[in-house]
């Protein structure tokens, strides 16, 4: 049996109709919603991850087929395979996966797919190769929601290395974004700057842009602040 058929069959065996209903609602797949038409089997991330480990050596051409699927979990497994292959790969493999990822952003089209991969592939590659952040700037200015989320989430890798400037640069571009999923992502990354790098750097950004920051972004960003300080930001 071809490997990709075997993989798809393994996923189908794990399908859960009750979880499918919950996930399709949670990930906003209804008419007019951000993930309209996305189809779920109802397989959890841990179970999807176990499938990705079983097929971790799937070729890039087969992974591309999987990433083109209408089934959410099949795309998720493809993403998880790419992350593992990137982390274990040599320089050429990393470059190939980085380029492949950026060519297929239309298929990386829900927030979990972005959040499980952007920093581990795009962020890691840009950091390791010491490239300019022009890639992130281009993504941040994209009309595609998921490319904008990839831009800010990719900077998580830089935050983990103690470097917040890339995040602050992308966050500033995205302050005027209209989508709630970007508001949440920017707030999350600002919070991580305070947690992992410098709360002073986070607060400097917040104070500078306080009148522009969407309410959701602010709430996420100050979530770990002491209650008195958190309330002072909210009531400012």
Protein backbone atom coordinates (compact mmCIF):
# COMPACT_ATOMS: atom_id res chain seq x y z
CA UNK A 1 0.00 0.00 0.00
CA UNK A 2 1.39 3.46 -0.91
CA UNK A 3 2.71 5.31 2.14
CA UNK A 4 0.40 8.31 1.83
CA UNK A 5 -2.69 6.08 1.53
CA UNK A 6 -1.57 4.20 4.63
CA UNK A 7 -1.14 7.49 6.50
CA UNK A 8 -4.60 8.71 5.53
CA UNK A 9 -6.14 5.40 6.57
CA UNK A 10 -4.40 5.60 9.96
CA UNK A 11 -5.88 9.06 10.49
CA UNK A 12 -9.36 7.92 9.51
CA UNK A 13 -9.19 5.14 12.09
CA UNK A 14 -8.69 7.80 14.78
CA UNK A 15 -11.67 9.89 13.64
CA UNK A 16 -14.09 10.89 16.40
CA UNK A 17 -17.50 12.25 15.23
CA UNK A 18 -18.10 14.04 18.56
CA UNK A 19 -14.72 15.77 18.48
CA UNK A 20 -15.26 16.60 14.80
CA UNK A 21 -18.37 18.62 15.67
CA UNK A 22 -16.59 20.44 18.50
CA UNK A 23 -13.48 21.20 16.42
CA UNK A 24 -15.42 22.49 13.42
CA UNK A 25 -17.18 24.93 15.72
CA UNK A 26 -14.04 25.88 17.67
CA UNK A 27 -12.01 26.57 14.53
CA UNK A 28 -14.78 28.66 12.93
CA UNK A 29 -15.51 26.64 9.80
CA UNK A 30 -19.02 27.98 9.14
CA UNK A 31 -20.13 30.25 6.27
CA UNK A 32 -18.34 33.59 6.38
CA UNK A 33 -16.01 32.52 9.19
CA UNK A 34 -12.22 32.60 8.93
CA UNK A 35 -11.88 28.85 8.27
CA UNK A 36 -14.98 28.42 6.15
CA UNK A 37 -15.14 24.96 4.61
CA UNK A 38 -12.30 23.40 6.61
CA UNK A 39 -13.14 19.73 7.19
CA UNK A 40 -12.19 17.85 10.36
CA UNK A 41 -11.98 14.16 11.19
CA UNK A 42 -11.99 14.89 14.93
CA UNK A 43 -8.41 13.76 15.67
CA UNK A 44 -6.57 15.43 18.56
CA UNK A 45 -3.15 17.06 18.15
CA UNK A 46 -1.35 14.40 20.26
CA UNK A 47 -2.80 11.65 18.06
CA UNK A 48 -1.94 13.59 14.91
CA UNK A 49 1.58 13.99 16.25
CA UNK A 50 1.88 10.22 16.74
CA UNK A 51 0.91 9.72 13.08
CA UNK A 52 3.51 12.30 12.03
CA UNK A 53 6.19 10.40 13.93
CA UNK A 54 5.24 7.14 12.22
CA UNK A 55 5.59 8.79 8.80
CA UNK A 56 8.41 11.21 9.67
CA UNK A 57 10.38 10.26 6.56
CA UNK A 58 7.58 11.09 4.11
CA UNK A 59 9.02 12.62 0.95
CA UNK A 60 8.50 16.30 0.23
CA UNK A 61 6.35 15.49 -2.81
CA UNK A 62 4.04 13.28 -0.71
CA UNK A 63 3.98 15.90 2.03
CA UNK A 64 2.89 18.42 -0.59
CA UNK A 65 -0.01 16.15 -1.55
CA UNK A 66 -0.99 15.90 2.10
CA UNK A 67 -0.77 19.66 2.60
CA UNK A 68 -3.15 20.16 -0.33
CA UNK A 69 -5.85 18.08 1.36
CA UNK A 70 -9.23 19.52 2.34
CA UNK A 71 -8.97 17.54 5.59
CA UNK A 72 -7.57 19.64 8.42
CA UNK A 73 -5.77 16.82 10.23
CA UNK A 74 -4.04 15.71 7.03
CA UNK A 75 -2.63 19.21 6.62
CA UNK A 76 -1.72 19.23 10.31
CA UNK A 77 0.23 15.98 9.99
CA UNK A 78 2.02 17.39 6.94
CA UNK A 79 3.03 20.45 8.98
CA UNK A 80 4.23 18.32 11.90
CA UNK A 81 6.31 16.18 9.54
CA UNK A 82 7.89 19.30 8.02
CA UNK A 83 8.78 20.65 11.48
CA UNK A 84 10.46 17.43 12.49
CA UNK A 85 12.35 17.11 9.20
CA UNK A 86 13.50 20.73 9.51
CA UNK A 87 14.73 20.26 13.06
CA UNK A 88 16.64 17.11 12.16
CA UNK A 89 17.81 18.21 8.70
CA UNK A 90 21.09 19.54 7.35
CA UNK A 91 21.48 23.06 5.94
CA UNK A 92 20.11 22.12 2.50
CA UNK A 93 17.09 20.37 4.01
CA UNK A 94 16.33 23.37 6.21
CA UNK A 95 16.56 25.76 3.26
CA UNK A 96 14.35 23.54 1.09
CA UNK A 97 11.69 23.23 3.82
CA UNK A 98 11.78 26.97 4.54
CA UNK A 99 11.21 27.77 0.86
CA UNK A 100 8.56 25.05 0.54
CA UNK A 101 6.70 26.42 3.59
CA UNK A 102 6.59 29.95 2.21
CA UNK A 103 5.35 28.70 -1.17
CA UNK A 104 2.46 26.87 0.49
CA UNK A 105 1.08 29.42 2.94
CA UNK A 106 -2.37 29.17 1.31
CA UNK A 107 -2.58 25.63 2.67
CA UNK A 108 -1.33 26.65 6.14
CA UNK A 109 -4.73 28.16 6.68
CA UNK A 110 -5.78 27.87 10.27
CA UNK A 111 -4.27 29.25 13.44
CA UNK A 112 -3.15 25.92 14.91
CA UNK A 113 -1.24 25.06 11.72
CA UNK A 114 0.55 28.41 11.95
CA UNK A 115 1.19 28.29 15.68
CA UNK A 116 2.71 24.80 15.59
CA UNK A 117 5.16 25.64 12.82
CA UNK A 118 5.93 29.29 12.06
CA UNK A 119 8.56 29.86 14.74
CA UNK A 120 10.00 26.37 14.30
CA UNK A 121 10.55 26.73 10.54
CA UNK A 122 10.42 30.36 9.38
CA UNK A 123 11.66 31.94 12.60
CA UNK A 124 14.33 29.30 13.18
CA UNK A 125 15.65 29.54 9.61
CA UNK A 126 15.83 33.33 9.61
CA UNK A 127 17.59 33.30 12.97
CA UNK A 128 20.04 30.53 12.07
CA UNK A 129 20.97 32.07 8.72
CA UNK A 130 21.11 35.61 10.16
CA UNK A 131 19.01 36.85 7.26
CA UNK A 132 17.43 40.25 7.13
CA UNK A 133 13.83 40.35 8.33
CA UNK A 134 12.50 41.44 4.91
CA UNK A 135 10.67 38.09 4.70
CA UNK A 136 8.79 38.86 7.91
CA UNK A 137 8.00 42.39 6.79
CA UNK A 138 6.56 41.11 3.52
CA UNK A 139 4.42 38.56 5.36
CA UNK A 140 3.24 41.15 7.88
CA UNK A 141 1.98 43.39 5.06
CA UNK A 142 0.22 40.56 3.23
CA UNK A 143 -3.51 40.60 2.52
CA UNK A 144 -3.57 36.96 3.60
CA UNK A 145 -4.59 36.59 7.26
CA UNK A 146 -2.47 33.49 7.78
CA UNK A 147 0.67 35.07 6.33
CA UNK A 148 0.27 37.96 8.76
CA UNK A 149 -0.08 35.50 11.63
CA UNK A 150 2.98 33.59 10.36
CA UNK A 151 4.92 36.88 10.45
CA UNK A 152 4.27 37.58 14.13
CA UNK A 153 4.44 33.95 15.29
CA UNK A 154 7.75 33.42 13.50
CA UNK A 155 9.30 36.01 15.80
CA UNK A 156 8.62 33.70 18.75
CA UNK A 157 11.89 31.96 17.88
CA UNK A 158 13.75 35.26 18.28
CA UNK A 159 12.04 35.88 21.62
CA UNK A 160 13.21 32.47 22.84
CA UNK A 161 16.77 33.57 22.02
CA UNK A 162 16.30 36.75 24.07
CA UNK A 163 15.88 39.01 21.03
CA UNK A 164 12.62 41.01 21.09
CA UNK A 165 13.35 43.61 18.39
CA UNK A 166 11.96 41.54 15.49
CA UNK A 167 8.70 41.00 17.36
CA UNK A 168 8.38 44.68 18.22
CA UNK A 169 8.98 45.64 14.59
CA UNK A 170 6.30 43.26 13.28
CA UNK A 171 3.90 44.09 16.13
CA UNK A 172 4.10 47.78 15.23
CA UNK A 173 3.11 47.01 11.62
CA UNK A 174 0.17 44.88 12.77
CA UNK A 175 -1.28 47.30 15.32
CA UNK A 176 -3.80 48.54 12.78
CA UNK A 177 -4.88 45.04 11.72
CA UNK A 178 -8.64 44.46 11.81
CA UNK A 179 -8.65 40.73 12.56
CA UNK A 180 -9.10 39.36 16.07
CA UNK A 181 -6.70 36.48 15.37
CA UNK A 182 -3.92 39.00 14.73
CA UNK A 183 -4.85 41.02 17.83
CA UNK A 184 -4.52 37.87 19.95
CA UNK A 185 -1.25 36.78 18.34
CA UNK A 186 0.40 40.19 18.77
CA UNK A 187 -0.72 40.37 22.40
CA UNK A 188 0.59 36.87 23.03
CA UNK A 189 4.02 37.72 21.59
CA UNK A 190 4.22 40.97 23.57
CA UNK A 191 3.44 38.99 26.72
CA UNK A 192 6.21 36.54 25.83
CA UNK A 193 8.68 39.44 25.51
CA UNK A 194 7.83 40.45 29.06
CA UNK A 195 8.11 36.87 30.27
CA UNK A 196 11.27 35.76 28.45
CA UNK A 197 13.19 38.94 27.55
CA UNK A 198 12.33 42.15 29.35
CA UNK A 199 9.14 43.46 30.88
CA UNK A 200 10.63 46.94 30.56
CA UNK A 201 10.88 46.46 26.77
CA UNK A 202 7.28 45.27 26.65
CA UNK A 203 6.03 48.20 28.71
CA UNK A 204 8.01 50.69 26.65
CA UNK A 205 6.17 49.44 23.56
CA UNK A 206 2.80 49.45 25.32
CA UNK A 207 3.18 53.00 26.59
CA UNK A 208 4.34 54.27 23.22
CA UNK A 209 1.37 52.75 21.37
CA UNK A 210 -1.27 52.65 24.10
CA UNK A 211 -3.80 54.70 22.13
CA UNK A 212 -3.43 52.46 19.06
CA UNK A 213 -3.35 49.02 20.65
CA UNK A 214 -6.55 46.99 20.12
CA UNK A 215 -8.23 46.06 23.40
CA UNK A 216 -7.76 42.33 22.82
CA UNK A 217 -4.05 42.79 22.15
CA UNK A 218 -3.66 44.80 25.35
CA UNK A 219 -5.51 42.23 27.44
CA UNK A 220 -3.29 39.43 26.16
CA UNK A 221 -0.12 41.48 26.59
CA UNK A 222 -0.72 42.42 30.24
CA UNK A 223 -2.18 39.11 31.36
CA UNK A 224 0.80 38.33 33.64
CA UNK A 225 1.08 41.82 35.16
CA UNK A 226 0.25 42.36 38.84
CA UNK A 227 -3.43 43.18 39.23
CA UNK A 228 -2.91 46.86 40.10
CA UNK A 229 -0.66 47.47 37.10
CA UNK A 230 -2.93 45.49 34.79
CA UNK A 231 -5.95 47.56 35.80
CA UNK A 232 -4.03 50.80 35.36
CA UNK A 233 -3.33 49.87 31.73
CA UNK A 234 -6.94 48.86 31.13
CA UNK A 235 -8.30 52.10 32.59
CA UNK A 236 -5.76 54.40 30.99
